[in-house]
Amino acid sequence: MKSIKYTLLIYEPGSIDVPAAKYESSSPFAAISEGDYLHPFPTPDETSGWPELGPQKYLQATEIHHALYDPMDAEQITHMVEVYTRVHEV
């Protein structure tokens, strides 16, 4: 039986292809739903590409996509969760 690798990609606000954060794990991540608020760690600063986030602003999930990759020649299955976001002021 193949092992499973879990990957969580959180995209920059309004982007469909620029990840703001990527996490990998050997166990599943907690469920994320549309409308959930996210504040990836470490918190980005003005040199990391999205300075509009701060203590009073969070990313809000706008879409969640799941994908399973099972290459025939690989020893692992990858479960990828892609989270698309917008900036939300609290």
Protein backbone atom coordinates (compact mmCIF):
# COMPACT_ATOMS: atom_id res chain seq x y z
CA MET A 1 0.00 0.00 0.00
CA LYS A 2 1.31 3.46 -0.92
CA SER A 3 1.80 6.13 1.73
CA ILE A 4 0.03 9.49 1.41
CA LYS A 5 1.68 12.90 1.43
CA TYR A 6 -0.58 15.86 2.25
CA THR A 7 0.17 19.24 0.69
CA LEU A 8 -1.60 22.51 1.52
CA LEU A 9 -1.09 25.45 -0.86
CA ILE A 10 -2.44 28.85 0.14
CA TYR A 11 -2.41 31.27 -2.79
CA GLU A 12 -1.69 34.98 -2.58
CA PRO A 13 -4.81 37.17 -2.47
CA GLY A 14 -6.51 37.24 -5.87
CA SER A 15 -3.93 34.91 -7.45
CA ILE A 16 -4.62 31.58 -9.11
CA ASP A 17 -0.97 30.54 -9.48
CA VAL A 18 1.29 32.33 -6.96
CA PRO A 19 1.50 30.44 -3.66
CA ALA A 20 1.82 32.53 -0.51
CA ALA A 21 2.53 29.48 1.63
CA LYS A 22 3.08 25.76 1.17
CA TYR A 23 2.91 23.12 3.88
CA GLU A 24 3.54 19.38 3.64
CA SER A 25 2.66 16.68 6.15
CA SER A 26 2.36 12.94 6.57
CA SER A 27 -1.05 13.43 8.21
CA PRO A 28 -4.12 15.33 6.97
CA PHE A 29 -4.62 19.02 7.65
CA ALA A 30 -7.75 20.28 9.39
CA ALA A 31 -10.60 21.04 7.02
CA ILE A 32 -10.66 24.51 5.48
CA SER A 33 -13.90 25.85 4.02
CA GLU A 34 -14.84 28.85 1.91
CA GLY A 35 -15.15 31.88 4.17
CA ASP A 36 -12.60 30.64 6.72
CA TYR A 37 -9.96 33.11 7.85
CA LEU A 38 -6.28 32.20 7.53
CA HIS A 39 -3.13 33.81 8.80
CA PRO A 40 -0.22 31.72 7.50
CA PHE A 41 2.83 31.45 9.71
CA PRO A 42 5.34 32.92 9.61
CA THR A 43 3.51 36.18 9.10
CA PRO A 44 4.75 37.83 5.90
CA ASP A 45 6.45 41.19 6.10
CA GLU A 46 6.98 43.91 3.54
CA THR A 47 9.77 42.00 1.80
CA SER A 48 7.75 38.84 1.17
CA GLY A 49 5.30 39.98 -1.45
CA TRP A 50 2.03 40.74 0.35
CA PRO A 51 2.57 43.54 2.85
CA GLU A 52 -1.16 44.29 3.08
CA LEU A 53 -1.50 41.64 5.80
CA GLY A 54 -0.93 42.69 9.38
CA PRO A 55 -2.34 41.99 12.81
CA GLN A 56 -5.81 43.25 11.82
CA LYS A 57 -5.96 41.65 8.37
CA TYR A 58 -6.28 38.02 7.40
CA LEU A 59 -6.63 35.97 4.28
CA GLN A 60 -10.14 34.69 3.68
CA ALA A 61 -10.62 31.48 1.72
CA THR A 62 -12.67 32.09 -1.42
CA GLU A 63 -12.30 28.66 -3.07
CA ILE A 64 -10.93 25.29 -2.03
CA HIS A 65 -9.73 22.71 -4.57
CA HIS A 66 -8.71 19.12 -3.77
CA ALA A 67 -6.60 16.94 -6.04
CA LEU A 68 -5.18 13.44 -5.74
CA TYR A 69 -2.01 12.50 -7.60
CA ASP A 70 -1.07 8.82 -7.88
CA PRO A 71 1.80 8.45 -10.33
CA MET A 72 2.31 4.81 -11.31
CA ASP A 73 6.07 4.97 -10.68
CA ALA A 74 5.88 6.83 -7.33
CA GLU A 75 5.77 5.34 -3.86
CA GLN A 76 3.39 8.01 -2.55
CA ILE A 77 -0.02 9.38 -3.30
CA THR A 78 -0.28 13.15 -2.90
CA HIS A 79 -3.46 14.75 -1.59
CA MET A 80 -3.19 18.44 -2.47
CA VAL A 81 -5.50 21.10 -1.08
CA GLU A 82 -5.33 24.47 -2.86
CA VAL A 83 -6.81 27.46 -1.05
CA TYR A 84 -7.57 30.63 -3.03
CA THR A 85 -7.86 33.81 -0.97
CA ARG A 86 -8.67 37.48 -0.65
CA VAL A 87 -7.59 39.98 2.02
CA HIS A 88 -10.15 40.53 4.77
CA GLU A 89 -9.96 43.21 7.46
CA VAL A 90 -11.14 42.11 10.87
